[in-house]
Amino acid sequence: MKGRGKKSDILPIKDAIRDLLNSYHLESRFDEAQVVASWERLVGVPIAKRTRKVFIKNKVLFVEFKTAAMKNDFLLHKAKVLELFQKEFGQGVVNDIAIL
């Protein structure tokens, strides 16, 4: 069969999508959307239900909680949550978490 590449030319779909996102300079936005979408899964339903707003800007995850008590409780565990996000998405996606 002429015109077919070698087996080594075949990329997994994950890598092909990453290459496409990179070529259009969209990879960082895709990663940011994934981080926000994963908030509930990574921190759990009880914390997510007490969260008013979550967004990411300049590799900083901004979180606003519904109560001051939740904000204070979260501050105690901020380092652990940051570690969870970095483990899930890599070191370069989220560098810090800011509480609003």
Protein backbone atom coordinates (compact mmCIF):
# COMPACT_ATOMS: atom_id res chain seq x y z
CA MET A 1 0.00 0.00 0.00
CA LYS A 2 1.57 3.17 -1.20
CA GLY A 3 1.28 6.48 0.67
CA ARG A 4 0.83 4.97 4.13
CA GLY A 5 3.30 5.98 6.83
CA LYS A 6 5.25 3.64 8.96
CA LYS A 7 3.74 2.37 12.17
CA SER A 8 6.11 4.73 14.04
CA ASP A 9 4.36 7.71 12.35
CA ILE A 10 1.10 6.93 14.15
CA LEU A 11 0.35 9.14 17.14
CA PRO A 12 -2.06 8.36 19.94
CA ILE A 13 -5.15 10.58 19.72
CA LYS A 14 -4.17 12.35 22.96
CA ASP A 15 -0.84 13.42 21.44
CA ALA A 16 -2.47 14.44 18.16
CA ILE A 17 -4.94 16.69 19.99
CA ARG A 18 -2.14 18.23 22.09
CA ASP A 19 -0.17 18.93 18.89
CA LEU A 20 -3.23 20.58 17.35
CA LEU A 21 -3.84 22.72 20.44
CA ASN A 22 -0.17 23.72 20.48
CA SER A 23 -0.20 24.71 16.82
CA TYR A 24 -3.11 27.11 17.49
CA HIS A 25 -1.65 28.29 20.83
CA LEU A 26 -4.69 26.96 22.70
CA GLU A 27 -3.07 24.41 24.99
CA SER A 28 -2.89 26.72 28.02
CA ARG A 29 -6.56 27.71 27.67
CA PHE A 30 -7.55 24.07 27.34
CA ASP A 31 -5.56 23.23 30.49
CA GLU A 32 -7.19 26.13 32.35
CA ALA A 33 -10.66 24.93 31.37
CA GLN A 34 -9.75 21.41 32.52
CA VAL A 35 -8.60 22.72 35.91
CA VAL A 36 -11.84 24.62 36.51
CA ALA A 37 -13.95 21.69 35.31
CA SER A 38 -12.07 19.36 37.68
CA TRP A 39 -12.63 21.48 40.80
CA GLU A 40 -15.48 19.36 42.21
CA ARG A 41 -13.78 16.06 41.42
CA LEU A 42 -10.50 17.04 43.07
CA VAL A 43 -11.73 18.90 46.17
CA GLY A 44 -14.94 16.92 46.69
CA VAL A 45 -18.63 17.73 46.62
CA PRO A 46 -18.84 19.33 50.11
CA ILE A 47 -16.20 21.94 49.29
CA ALA A 48 -17.49 22.46 45.74
CA LYS A 49 -21.01 23.17 47.06
CA ARG A 50 -19.58 25.89 49.29
CA THR A 51 -17.67 27.49 46.41
CA ARG A 52 -19.10 30.56 44.74
CA LYS A 53 -16.57 31.09 41.94
CA VAL A 54 -13.51 29.32 40.48
CA PHE A 55 -11.34 30.65 37.65
CA ILE A 56 -7.70 30.64 36.60
CA LYS A 57 -5.59 33.55 35.42
CA ASN A 58 -1.83 33.68 34.87
CA LYS A 59 -1.45 30.17 36.34
CA VAL A 60 -3.13 31.23 39.60
CA LEU A 61 -6.35 29.45 40.57
CA PHE A 62 -8.76 31.96 42.12
CA VAL A 63 -11.42 30.58 44.44
CA GLU A 64 -14.27 32.41 46.16
CA PHE A 65 -16.15 30.66 48.94
CA LYS A 66 -19.67 31.34 50.18
CA THR A 67 -18.68 31.73 53.84
CA ALA A 68 -15.74 33.13 55.78
CA ALA A 69 -15.56 29.92 57.80
CA MET A 70 -15.07 27.87 54.62
CA LYS A 71 -12.42 30.31 53.45
CA ASN A 72 -10.51 29.91 56.72
CA ASP A 73 -10.82 26.11 56.66
CA PHE A 74 -9.59 26.00 53.07
CA LEU A 75 -6.55 28.13 53.91
CA LEU A 76 -5.42 25.35 56.26
CA HIS A 77 -5.44 22.87 53.37
CA LYS A 78 -4.39 25.14 50.52
CA ALA A 79 -0.95 23.55 50.09
CA LYS A 80 -2.45 20.05 49.87
CA VAL A 81 -5.03 21.16 47.28
CA LEU A 82 -2.34 22.89 45.22
CA GLU A 83 -0.34 19.67 45.34
CA LEU A 84 -3.40 17.72 44.09
CA PHE A 85 -3.84 20.05 41.12
CA GLN A 86 -0.14 19.96 40.26
CA LYS A 87 -0.11 16.17 40.45
CA GLU A 88 -3.18 15.98 38.19
CA PHE A 89 -2.19 18.62 35.61
CA GLY A 90 1.57 19.03 35.97
CA GLN A 91 3.69 21.73 37.59
CA GLY A 92 3.20 24.42 34.93
CA VAL A 93 -0.60 24.70 34.88
CA VAL A 94 -1.38 25.94 38.43
CA ASN A 95 1.38 27.64 40.41
CA ASP A 96 -0.71 29.08 43.24
CA ILE A 97 -4.22 29.29 44.69
CA ALA A 98 -5.64 32.67 45.68
CA ILE A 99 -8.65 32.90 47.97
CA LEU A 100 -11.04 35.75 47.19
